[in-house]
Amino acid sequence: MKKIFSILTIGSLALLTGCVNGDDDFNNNQTQPYQVPAELAFTNAQKELIDQMETPSVNLNVFRFFQHYLATTIYRNDARFNFTGTRKVPDNMWLALYTDVLGNLSEAKKIIPTEAKPAALTQLAWDKQQANKLAIINILEIYTYQVLVDSFGNVPYSEAAKVETTVLPKYDDAKTIYADLINRLNALIPTLDTAYPSFETGDNIYGGDVAEWITFANSLKLKIGINLADVNPTLAKQTVESAYNAGVLLTNSTNALFKYDGTSPNFNRLYAEVIASNRNDFVAEEGIVDAMNNLNDPRRPSYFTAVPGPGGGYVGGTVGLSNSYATNSHIGESLLAPNKTGVLFDAAEVNFYLAEAASRGYSVGGTAASYYNTAITESMAQWGVTGAAVTTYLADPNVVFSPANWKQRIGEQAWIAMYNRGFESWNFYRRLDYPVMTAPNATPAAEGKVPVRLTYPINEQTVNGSNWSQASSAIGGDKLTVKVFWDIN
């Protein structure tokens, strides 16, 4: 694991921040350290997080292969779950989240207490604004640790990002981390004060809107709680109901979206990897294409391109094989706009959580069927589908909510809705065990199965070997087939 957690890729954010210093002596002082604004560190953390979650790069993010969303035309090893060769996908994801996300968030937290109060503000107003900033930073940090735990299991937590005191951090128990994340959210949310501002610049998700961040935090609490449903039903129910009662993200108007500016190097990552790189590496995968064809799903023109020629229609390749770019559907053009926003939370995701919660008997103010239908409707709306097309889709016998088969219905529809959000789709799949997926072209690394976690980075084995060994033993082995603690079914 890389131990320097405060690396800031400032140059990559020049177009997002617009920071310019006109002082003639700005570059002449060779001894004075750079004073990086907290806003810049926070923006960079946001961008690095959404980049990692959305990129289709086979070096960084392979969840679209797990979920049968994409297949490759050339590089088969990545789609066969061989991630420890030249790619070292776990190493890259680990490094991105610990260094580029958590490192920048840690740096921002250090800077904020050192900032000078503007003369125009009272001390109370300044203290409240700074407290709001720190709470928001911590909320995004909690989101990142949840992703790390859900990806790897036990991970460095209590000793992470503390290079001044700990060079080789221990791995904390994943279940203990989850409980602490809930406790931190419970403590942080009441400190957010909507009567005062937060980030006036640098927040490319909510523009510093404190009320929106409160909704985000409650939605995160809901997500963490629902993941615990099978392993700790009491805590799950308590956490989910508390989050719902406090107010979660229910409509697309409050989606957590990162605003890319559409210019180099701040493209949306799909555009960067496909269009700007002029690559023909990816085609749609037959699993998602066939499922949506069978349902006559009206989102297909947004998700995929149609195959040219007399036959037309939508055709998918096979994950793990070399596929023809010319004869298969590609990633839809609507996903490839250079300034397409990145998504950390959306209404479809949250409403599916509430449908699941209601199915489990939690008190969340509505029925499972109503939340399920709302989730699908909000997903459709994201892609411009409204009205009769939605009504017809919801009436399909293979879509209509079934209380007796709620895991299957929610799992299958969340899988379709999360097409551009492979990691979140993977979580739904692992928790609900639907849709049924196979990995016929997987290498022995995954034992012929869809992976249920990522292996630890190779670098951890060589640099932090003792702690890696203890963590691997604690979770039952460092394998793609070893489940994270909440995935017990």
Protein backbone atom coordinates (compact mmCIF):
# COMPACT_ATOMS: atom_id res chain seq x y z
CA MET A 1 0.00 0.00 0.00
CA LYS A 2 1.33 3.41 -0.86
CA LYS A 3 2.11 5.23 2.34
CA ILE A 4 2.03 8.85 1.23
CA PHE A 5 -1.63 9.73 1.50
CA SER A 6 -1.59 13.47 0.78
CA ILE A 7 -0.69 13.45 -2.91
CA LEU A 8 -2.69 16.12 -4.73
CA THR A 9 -2.98 16.00 -8.50
CA ILE A 10 -3.52 19.73 -8.67
CA GLY A 11 -2.81 20.13 -12.35
CA SER A 12 -5.68 17.86 -13.32
CA LEU A 13 -8.12 20.21 -11.60
CA ALA A 14 -7.04 23.52 -13.08
CA LEU A 15 -10.10 23.71 -15.30
CA LEU A 16 -12.46 22.74 -12.49
CA THR A 17 -11.18 25.22 -9.94
CA GLY A 18 -9.98 28.14 -12.01
CA CYS A 19 -7.29 28.96 -9.41
CA VAL A 20 -4.83 31.59 -10.68
CA ASN A 21 -2.26 33.64 -8.78
CA GLY A 22 -1.18 36.85 -10.48
CA ASP A 23 1.69 37.61 -8.08
CA ASP A 24 4.96 38.00 -10.01
CA ASP A 25 6.82 36.28 -7.18
CA PHE A 26 4.43 33.33 -6.95
CA ASN A 27 6.93 30.80 -8.34
CA ASN A 28 10.09 32.43 -7.00
CA ASN A 29 10.07 31.32 -3.37
CA GLN A 30 11.96 28.01 -3.43
CA THR A 31 11.65 27.25 0.29
CA GLN A 32 8.06 28.08 1.22
CA PRO A 33 5.71 25.05 0.96
CA TYR A 34 2.65 25.31 -1.22
CA GLN A 35 -0.51 26.27 0.68
CA VAL A 36 -3.18 24.09 -0.89
CA PRO A 37 -6.75 25.31 -0.26
CA ALA A 38 -9.05 22.83 1.47
CA GLU A 39 -11.52 23.33 -1.39
CA LEU A 40 -8.99 22.07 -3.92
CA ALA A 41 -8.21 18.97 -1.88
CA PHE A 42 -11.93 18.31 -1.45
CA THR A 43 -12.66 18.72 -5.16
CA ASN A 44 -9.82 16.40 -6.02
CA ALA A 45 -11.10 13.76 -3.59
CA GLN A 46 -14.57 13.95 -5.14
CA LYS A 47 -13.20 13.62 -8.64
CA GLU A 48 -10.89 10.73 -7.79
CA LEU A 49 -13.73 8.88 -6.08
CA ILE A 50 -16.22 9.27 -8.92
CA ASP A 51 -13.50 8.49 -11.48
CA GLN A 52 -12.79 5.20 -9.73
CA MET A 53 -16.46 4.27 -9.40
CA GLU A 54 -17.34 5.08 -13.03
CA THR A 55 -14.29 4.34 -15.14
CA PRO A 56 -14.47 1.35 -17.50
CA SER A 57 -10.67 1.08 -17.44
CA VAL A 58 -9.63 -2.56 -17.16
CA ASN A 59 -6.78 -1.38 -14.95
CA LEU A 60 -9.07 0.13 -12.32
CA ASN A 61 -12.66 -1.06 -12.40
CA VAL A 62 -13.84 -4.53 -13.43
CA PHE A 63 -17.33 -4.62 -11.94
CA ARG A 64 -19.03 -4.24 -15.32
CA PHE A 65 -17.52 -7.63 -16.21
CA PHE A 66 -18.71 -9.19 -12.94
CA GLN A 67 -22.25 -7.99 -13.70
CA HIS A 68 -22.34 -8.99 -17.39
CA TYR A 69 -22.71 -5.39 -18.56
CA LEU A 70 -19.69 -5.25 -20.85
CA ALA A 71 -17.55 -7.69 -22.77
CA THR A 72 -14.21 -7.05 -24.42
CA THR A 73 -13.05 -7.31 -27.99
CA ILE A 74 -9.36 -7.93 -27.29
CA TYR A 75 -8.26 -8.25 -23.68
CA ARG A 76 -9.83 -11.43 -22.37
CA ASN A 77 -7.88 -11.86 -19.13
CA ASP A 78 -9.61 -8.92 -17.47
CA ALA A 79 -13.04 -10.32 -18.28
CA ARG A 80 -11.89 -13.73 -17.03
CA PHE A 81 -11.13 -12.27 -13.59
CA ASN A 82 -7.37 -12.52 -13.85
CA PHE A 83 -6.52 -9.34 -11.94
CA THR A 84 -3.06 -10.07 -10.56
CA GLY A 85 -1.04 -10.15 -13.77
CA THR A 86 0.08 -7.03 -15.55
CA ARG A 87 -3.09 -5.14 -14.61
CA LYS A 88 -3.00 -5.52 -10.82
CA VAL A 89 -6.55 -4.19 -10.57
CA PRO A 90 -6.84 -4.59 -6.77
CA ASP A 91 -3.58 -2.66 -6.29
CA ASN A 92 -4.82 0.16 -8.49
CA MET A 93 -8.22 0.45 -6.85
CA TRP A 94 -6.70 0.27 -3.35
CA LEU A 95 -4.19 2.97 -4.22
CA ALA A 96 -6.82 5.22 -5.80
CA LEU A 97 -9.14 5.06 -2.80
CA TYR A 98 -6.53 5.27 -0.05
CA THR A 99 -4.19 7.78 -1.64
CA ASP A 100 -6.18 9.90 -4.06
CA VAL A 101 -9.49 9.95 -2.18
CA LEU A 102 -8.81 9.41 1.53
CA GLY A 103 -5.46 11.18 1.26
CA ASN A 104 -7.04 14.32 -0.14
CA LEU A 105 -9.89 14.21 2.38
CA SER A 106 -7.35 13.87 5.20
CA GLU A 107 -5.41 16.82 3.83
CA ALA A 108 -8.57 18.93 3.63
CA LYS A 109 -9.40 18.14 7.25
CA LYS A 110 -5.95 19.33 8.31
CA ILE A 111 -6.20 22.58 6.37
CA ILE A 112 -9.65 23.74 7.50
CA PRO A 113 -8.69 24.49 11.15
CA THR A 114 -5.78 26.64 9.93
CA GLU A 115 -7.88 28.88 7.69
CA ALA A 116 -8.21 32.54 8.69
CA LYS A 117 -11.65 33.91 9.49
CA PRO A 118 -12.85 36.62 7.09
CA ALA A 119 -13.35 39.93 8.88
CA ALA A 120 -16.96 40.15 7.69
CA LEU A 121 -18.02 36.98 9.53
CA THR A 122 -18.78 36.60 13.20
CA GLN A 123 -16.86 33.93 15.07
CA LEU A 124 -20.05 31.89 15.46
CA ALA A 125 -20.82 31.99 11.73
CA TRP A 126 -17.25 31.03 10.89
CA ASP A 127 -17.18 28.16 13.36
CA LYS A 128 -20.49 26.82 12.03
CA GLN A 129 -19.31 27.01 8.42
CA GLN A 130 -16.07 25.22 9.23
CA ALA A 131 -17.94 22.56 11.21
CA ASN A 132 -20.21 21.96 8.20
CA LYS A 133 -17.17 21.57 5.96
CA LEU A 134 -15.53 19.05 8.28
CA ALA A 135 -18.76 17.03 8.60
CA ILE A 136 -19.17 16.84 4.82
CA ILE A 137 -15.57 15.73 4.38
CA ASN A 138 -16.09 13.00 6.96
CA ILE A 139 -19.28 11.84 5.26
CA LEU A 140 -17.43 11.35 1.98
CA GLU A 141 -14.68 9.55 3.90
CA ILE A 142 -17.28 7.17 5.34
CA TYR A 143 -18.62 6.51 1.83
CA THR A 144 -15.10 5.62 0.70
CA TYR A 145 -14.45 3.23 3.58
CA GLN A 146 -17.76 1.51 2.89
CA VAL A 147 -16.58 0.89 -0.68
CA LEU A 148 -13.25 -0.46 0.58
CA VAL A 149 -14.88 -2.85 3.07
CA ASP A 150 -17.41 -4.05 0.50
CA SER A 151 -14.60 -4.66 -1.98
CA PHE A 152 -11.94 -6.33 0.17
CA GLY A 153 -13.37 -7.23 3.60
CA ASN A 154 -11.02 -6.38 6.48
CA VAL A 155 -9.00 -3.28 5.57
CA PRO A 156 -6.77 -0.69 7.27
CA TYR A 157 -9.05 1.77 9.05
CA SER A 158 -8.06 2.91 12.53
CA GLU A 159 -4.41 3.27 11.51
CA ALA A 160 -4.97 4.32 7.90
CA ALA A 161 -3.88 7.75 6.61
CA LYS A 162 -1.66 8.27 9.65
CA VAL A 163 1.77 8.22 8.05
CA GLU A 164 3.19 10.37 10.84
CA THR A 165 2.71 7.55 13.34
CA THR A 166 2.03 4.34 11.39
CA VAL A 167 3.88 3.20 8.29
CA LEU A 168 2.42 -0.32 8.08
CA PRO A 169 -1.21 -0.09 9.23
CA LYS A 170 -3.06 -3.03 10.69
CA TYR A 171 -6.27 -4.32 9.11
CA ASP A 172 -9.44 -3.77 11.13
CA ASP A 173 -12.31 -6.22 11.30
CA ALA A 174 -14.84 -5.33 8.60
CA LYS A 175 -17.84 -5.83 10.88
CA THR A 176 -16.30 -3.49 13.44
CA ILE A 177 -15.62 -0.88 10.75
CA TYR A 178 -19.24 -1.01 9.59
CA ALA A 179 -20.51 -0.44 13.13
CA ASP A 180 -18.15 2.51 13.51
CA LEU A 181 -19.26 4.01 10.20
CA ILE A 182 -22.86 3.98 11.47
CA ASN A 183 -21.80 5.54 14.77
CA ARG A 184 -19.87 8.25 12.94
CA LEU A 185 -22.86 9.10 10.76
CA ASN A 186 -25.11 9.23 13.81
CA ALA A 187 -22.71 11.70 15.40
CA LEU A 188 -22.04 13.77 12.27
CA ILE A 189 -25.52 14.31 10.88
CA PRO A 190 -26.79 16.40 13.83
CA THR A 191 -23.76 18.71 13.54
CA LEU A 192 -24.73 19.81 10.03
CA ASP A 193 -26.48 23.16 10.37
CA THR A 194 -28.54 24.34 7.39
CA ALA A 195 -28.63 27.89 8.79
CA TYR A 196 -24.98 28.28 7.76
CA PRO A 197 -23.05 27.59 4.54
CA SER A 198 -20.27 25.08 3.97
CA PHE A 199 -18.03 25.00 0.90
CA GLU A 200 -18.57 28.14 -1.16
CA THR A 201 -16.37 26.65 -3.87
CA GLY A 202 -14.90 23.21 -4.45
CA ASP A 203 -18.00 21.06 -3.97
CA ASN A 204 -18.76 19.72 -7.45
CA ILE A 205 -21.57 17.50 -6.16
CA TYR A 206 -23.97 19.69 -4.18
CA GLY A 207 -22.36 23.12 -4.41
CA GLY A 208 -22.01 23.29 -0.65
CA ASP A 209 -25.76 22.80 -0.01
CA VAL A 210 -25.85 21.54 3.57
CA ALA A 211 -29.42 20.21 3.35
CA GLU A 212 -28.46 18.08 0.35
CA TRP A 213 -25.49 16.65 2.23
CA ILE A 214 -27.75 15.72 5.13
CA THR A 215 -29.93 13.77 2.71
CA PHE A 216 -26.81 12.16 1.23
CA ALA A 217 -25.59 11.15 4.71
CA ASN A 218 -28.93 9.57 5.60
CA SER A 219 -28.97 7.72 2.27
CA LEU A 220 -25.48 6.41 3.01
CA LYS A 221 -26.66 5.30 6.43
CA LEU A 222 -29.57 3.52 4.74
CA LYS A 223 -27.19 1.73 2.35
CA ILE A 224 -24.87 0.57 5.11
CA GLY A 225 -27.85 -0.56 7.17
CA ILE A 226 -29.46 -2.62 4.40
CA ASN A 227 -26.14 -4.40 3.75
CA LEU A 228 -26.34 -5.68 7.34
CA ALA A 229 -29.82 -7.15 6.90
CA ASP A 230 -28.77 -10.81 6.85
CA VAL A 231 -25.87 -10.68 9.29
CA ASN A 232 -27.25 -8.29 11.96
CA PRO A 233 -31.00 -7.84 11.43
CA THR A 234 -31.52 -5.82 14.60
CA LEU A 235 -28.89 -3.21 13.81
CA ALA A 236 -29.95 -3.19 10.16
CA LYS A 237 -33.60 -2.47 11.00
CA GLN A 238 -32.68 0.21 13.50
CA THR A 239 -30.25 1.90 11.11
CA VAL A 240 -32.53 1.77 8.07
CA GLU A 241 -35.58 3.08 9.91
CA SER A 242 -33.58 5.88 11.52
CA ALA A 243 -32.16 6.92 8.14
CA TYR A 244 -35.58 6.86 6.48
CA ASN A 245 -37.22 8.90 9.23
CA ALA A 246 -34.50 11.54 8.95
CA GLY A 247 -34.98 11.89 5.18
CA VAL A 248 -33.31 10.04 2.32
CA LEU A 249 -32.85 10.67 -1.40
CA LEU A 250 -36.14 9.76 -3.09
CA THR A 251 -36.26 11.69 -6.38
CA ASN A 252 -33.82 12.40 -9.18
CA SER A 253 -33.81 16.09 -8.29
CA THR A 254 -31.54 15.31 -5.34
CA ASN A 255 -29.23 12.74 -6.98
CA ALA A 256 -25.59 13.01 -5.92
CA LEU A 257 -23.96 13.94 -9.22
CA PHE A 258 -20.38 15.03 -9.85
CA LYS A 259 -20.23 17.71 -12.51
CA TYR A 260 -17.52 17.04 -15.07
CA ASP A 261 -16.71 20.08 -17.19
CA GLY A 262 -16.16 18.12 -20.41
CA THR A 263 -12.68 19.43 -21.21
CA SER A 264 -9.37 17.61 -20.99
CA PRO A 265 -8.37 16.16 -18.57
CA ASN A 266 -11.72 16.49 -16.78
CA PHE A 267 -13.80 14.37 -19.11
CA ASN A 268 -16.39 11.93 -17.90
CA ARG A 269 -14.37 8.72 -17.58
CA LEU A 270 -16.39 6.73 -20.11
CA TYR A 271 -15.76 9.44 -22.69
CA ALA A 272 -12.08 9.53 -21.73
CA GLU A 273 -11.60 5.77 -22.07
CA VAL A 274 -13.74 5.21 -25.16
CA ILE A 275 -14.02 8.34 -27.30
CA ALA A 276 -11.00 10.45 -26.35
CA SER A 277 -8.79 7.35 -26.42
CA ASN A 278 -10.32 6.19 -29.71
CA ARG A 279 -10.68 2.65 -28.43
CA ASN A 280 -12.90 -0.19 -29.61
CA ASP A 281 -12.32 -2.40 -26.57
CA PHE A 282 -15.86 -2.72 -25.24
CA VAL A 283 -19.15 -4.13 -26.45
CA ALA A 284 -22.39 -4.68 -24.57
CA GLU A 285 -22.62 -8.10 -22.92
CA GLU A 286 -25.29 -10.59 -23.88
CA GLY A 287 -26.53 -11.03 -20.29
CA ILE A 288 -27.90 -7.52 -19.88
CA VAL A 289 -28.80 -7.14 -23.57
CA ASP A 290 -30.84 -10.35 -23.72
CA ALA A 291 -32.63 -9.58 -20.45
CA MET A 292 -33.65 -6.12 -21.66
CA ASN A 293 -34.63 -7.45 -25.10
CA ASN A 294 -36.92 -10.00 -23.46
CA LEU A 295 -38.64 -7.21 -21.53
CA ASN A 296 -38.70 -4.80 -24.47
CA ASP A 297 -37.05 -2.35 -22.11
CA PRO A 298 -37.36 1.25 -23.36
CA ARG A 299 -33.97 2.19 -21.86
CA ARG A 300 -32.09 0.18 -24.48
CA PRO A 301 -31.48 3.08 -26.89
CA SER A 302 -29.74 4.92 -24.04
CA TYR A 303 -27.76 1.93 -22.80
CA PHE A 304 -26.64 0.48 -26.16
CA THR A 305 -26.17 1.28 -29.81
CA ALA A 306 -28.19 -0.75 -32.31
CA VAL A 307 -26.37 -3.12 -34.60
CA PRO A 308 -26.43 -1.74 -38.17
CA GLY A 309 -27.85 -3.70 -41.06
CA PRO A 310 -31.14 -5.35 -41.99
CA GLY A 311 -31.38 -7.33 -38.75
CA GLY A 312 -30.66 -4.35 -36.52
CA GLY A 313 -31.59 -4.51 -32.90
CA TYR A 314 -29.41 -4.94 -29.84
CA VAL A 315 -26.85 -7.73 -29.67
CA GLY A 316 -24.39 -8.55 -26.91
CA GLY A 317 -21.04 -10.29 -26.84
CA THR A 318 -19.86 -12.88 -24.33
CA VAL A 319 -17.79 -11.90 -21.31
CA GLY A 320 -14.42 -13.65 -21.29
CA LEU A 321 -14.24 -14.19 -25.04
CA SER A 322 -12.87 -12.09 -27.88
CA ASN A 323 -15.87 -10.39 -29.44
CA SER A 324 -16.44 -8.60 -32.73
CA TYR A 325 -16.82 -4.86 -32.37
CA ALA A 326 -18.65 -4.59 -35.69
CA THR A 327 -21.37 -7.15 -34.98
CA ASN A 328 -22.25 -6.28 -31.39
CA SER A 329 -23.91 -3.32 -29.69
CA HIS A 330 -21.64 -0.74 -28.09
CA ILE A 331 -21.96 1.56 -25.08
CA GLY A 332 -24.84 3.97 -25.76
CA GLU A 333 -23.99 7.44 -27.01
CA SER A 334 -25.89 9.07 -24.15
CA LEU A 335 -23.32 7.62 -21.75
CA LEU A 336 -20.39 8.97 -23.72
CA ALA A 337 -20.92 12.73 -23.52
CA PRO A 338 -17.69 14.35 -22.26
CA ASN A 339 -19.55 16.29 -19.56
CA LYS A 340 -21.98 13.57 -18.47
CA THR A 341 -22.30 13.74 -14.71
CA GLY A 342 -20.90 10.99 -12.52
CA VAL A 343 -23.23 9.35 -10.00
CA LEU A 344 -22.59 8.55 -6.32
CA PHE A 345 -26.25 8.14 -5.34
CA ASP A 346 -29.47 8.18 -7.31
CA ALA A 347 -33.15 7.83 -6.53
CA ALA A 348 -33.50 4.43 -8.19
CA GLU A 349 -30.82 2.96 -5.91
CA VAL A 350 -32.37 4.38 -2.73
CA ASN A 351 -35.92 3.37 -3.63
CA PHE A 352 -34.75 -0.18 -4.30
CA TYR A 353 -33.19 -0.19 -0.81
CA LEU A 354 -36.53 0.91 0.64
CA ALA A 355 -38.39 -1.75 -1.36
CA GLU A 356 -36.04 -4.31 0.14
CA ALA A 357 -36.47 -2.84 3.62
CA ALA A 358 -40.25 -2.98 3.35
CA SER A 359 -40.03 -6.58 2.11
CA ARG A 360 -38.02 -7.41 5.21
CA GLY A 361 -40.72 -5.92 7.43
CA TYR A 362 -39.02 -2.64 8.30
CA SER A 363 -41.14 0.45 8.91
CA VAL A 364 -40.20 2.80 6.06
CA GLY A 365 -43.45 4.60 5.31
CA GLY A 366 -44.51 2.72 2.20
CA THR A 367 -45.02 -0.68 0.66
CA ALA A 368 -42.39 -2.74 -1.06
CA ALA A 369 -44.35 -2.57 -4.32
CA SER A 370 -44.65 1.22 -4.23
CA TYR A 371 -40.92 1.73 -3.67
CA TYR A 372 -40.10 -0.88 -6.29
CA ASN A 373 -42.28 0.85 -8.89
CA THR A 374 -40.86 4.24 -7.94
CA ALA A 375 -37.31 2.92 -8.31
CA ILE A 376 -38.02 1.72 -11.84
CA THR A 377 -39.87 4.93 -12.71
CA GLU A 378 -37.00 7.12 -11.46
CA SER A 379 -34.51 5.02 -13.40
CA MET A 380 -36.58 5.38 -16.56
CA ALA A 381 -36.79 9.14 -16.04
CA GLN A 382 -33.01 9.39 -15.84
CA TRP A 383 -32.91 8.16 -19.44
CA GLY A 384 -35.81 10.27 -20.69
CA VAL A 385 -38.46 7.54 -20.57
CA THR A 386 -41.80 8.64 -19.12
CA GLY A 387 -45.54 8.16 -19.50
CA ALA A 388 -47.12 5.19 -21.24
CA ALA A 389 -43.82 3.42 -21.88
CA VAL A 390 -43.21 3.22 -18.12
CA THR A 391 -46.77 2.11 -17.39
CA THR A 392 -46.54 -0.66 -19.98
CA TYR A 393 -43.21 -1.84 -18.62
CA LEU A 394 -44.46 -1.96 -15.00
CA ALA A 395 -47.45 -4.03 -16.13
CA ASP A 396 -45.32 -6.75 -17.72
CA PRO A 397 -45.91 -10.01 -15.77
CA ASN A 398 -42.14 -10.49 -15.58
CA VAL A 399 -41.75 -7.06 -13.97
CA VAL A 400 -44.77 -6.77 -11.66
CA PHE A 401 -43.60 -6.87 -8.05
CA SER A 402 -43.97 -10.25 -6.37
CA PRO A 403 -43.97 -10.32 -2.53
CA ALA A 404 -43.23 -14.05 -2.67
CA ASN A 405 -40.19 -13.51 -4.90
CA TRP A 406 -39.11 -10.05 -3.79
CA LYS A 407 -35.39 -10.80 -3.86
CA GLN A 408 -35.59 -11.92 -7.46
CA ARG A 409 -37.73 -8.98 -8.59
CA ILE A 410 -35.63 -6.33 -6.83
CA GLY A 411 -32.36 -8.00 -7.76
CA GLU A 412 -33.21 -8.25 -11.44
CA GLN A 413 -34.60 -4.74 -11.79
CA ALA A 414 -31.82 -3.13 -9.74
CA TRP A 415 -29.34 -4.92 -12.01
CA ILE A 416 -30.93 -3.31 -15.07
CA ALA A 417 -31.17 0.12 -13.44
CA MET A 418 -27.55 0.06 -12.26
CA TYR A 419 -26.16 -0.55 -15.76
CA ASN A 420 -23.65 2.30 -15.48
CA ARG A 421 -22.95 1.67 -11.79
CA GLY A 422 -21.21 -1.67 -11.70
CA PHE A 423 -20.06 -1.57 -8.09
CA GLU A 424 -23.52 -0.82 -6.66
CA SER A 425 -25.00 -3.48 -8.90
CA TRP A 426 -22.46 -5.97 -7.54
CA ASN A 427 -23.61 -5.16 -3.99
CA PHE A 428 -27.25 -5.80 -4.89
CA TYR A 429 -26.24 -9.09 -6.52
CA ARG A 430 -24.21 -10.29 -3.54
CA ARG A 431 -26.90 -9.36 -1.03
CA LEU A 432 -29.95 -10.65 -2.92
CA ASP A 433 -28.36 -13.42 -5.03
CA TYR A 434 -30.23 -12.21 -8.11
CA PRO A 435 -30.09 -12.16 -11.03
CA VAL A 436 -28.61 -15.62 -11.37
CA MET A 437 -25.24 -15.22 -13.06
CA THR A 438 -22.60 -17.59 -14.24
CA ALA A 439 -18.97 -17.13 -15.12
CA PRO A 440 -18.42 -19.77 -17.81
CA ASN A 441 -15.26 -18.13 -19.06
CA ALA A 442 -13.64 -17.44 -15.70
CA THR A 443 -10.11 -18.59 -14.99
CA PRO A 444 -9.31 -20.86 -12.04
CA ALA A 445 -8.61 -17.67 -10.04
CA ALA A 446 -12.36 -17.37 -9.47
CA GLU A 447 -13.01 -21.13 -9.37
CA GLY A 448 -15.51 -20.79 -12.21
CA LYS A 449 -17.68 -18.34 -10.25
CA VAL A 450 -18.54 -14.66 -10.29
CA PRO A 451 -16.12 -13.06 -7.77
CA VAL A 452 -17.65 -11.95 -4.47
CA ARG A 453 -14.70 -9.83 -3.34
CA LEU A 454 -11.42 -8.46 -4.63
CA THR A 455 -8.16 -9.98 -3.50
CA TYR A 456 -5.76 -7.81 -1.54
CA PRO A 457 -3.10 -5.92 -3.50
CA ILE A 458 0.10 -7.76 -4.33
CA ASN A 459 1.98 -4.80 -2.89
CA GLU A 460 0.38 -5.39 0.50
CA GLN A 461 1.73 -8.92 0.55
CA THR A 462 5.29 -7.72 -0.06
CA VAL A 463 5.33 -4.46 1.93
CA ASN A 464 2.79 -5.02 4.72
CA GLY A 465 3.09 -8.80 4.78
CA SER A 466 2.46 -9.51 8.45
CA ASN A 467 -0.74 -7.48 8.60
CA TRP A 468 -1.84 -8.84 5.22
CA SER A 469 -1.31 -12.42 6.43
CA GLN A 470 -3.35 -11.84 9.58
CA ALA A 471 -6.17 -10.22 7.63
CA SER A 472 -6.23 -12.99 5.02
CA SER A 473 -6.43 -15.63 7.71
CA ALA A 474 -9.18 -13.75 9.56
CA ILE A 475 -11.51 -13.61 6.56
CA GLY A 476 -10.92 -17.21 5.49
CA GLY A 477 -8.32 -16.71 2.77
CA ASP A 478 -7.37 -14.04 0.26
CA LYS A 479 -9.53 -15.35 -2.60
CA LEU A 480 -12.06 -13.97 -5.06
CA THR A 481 -14.56 -16.52 -3.73
CA VAL A 482 -14.35 -15.59 -0.01
CA LYS A 483 -17.40 -13.53 0.90
CA VAL A 484 -17.35 -10.24 2.77
CA PHE A 485 -18.84 -10.47 6.26
CA TRP A 486 -22.37 -9.33 5.38
CA ASP A 487 -22.75 -11.69 2.41
CA ILE A 488 -23.76 -14.82 4.30
CA ASN A 489 -26.32 -16.41 1.95
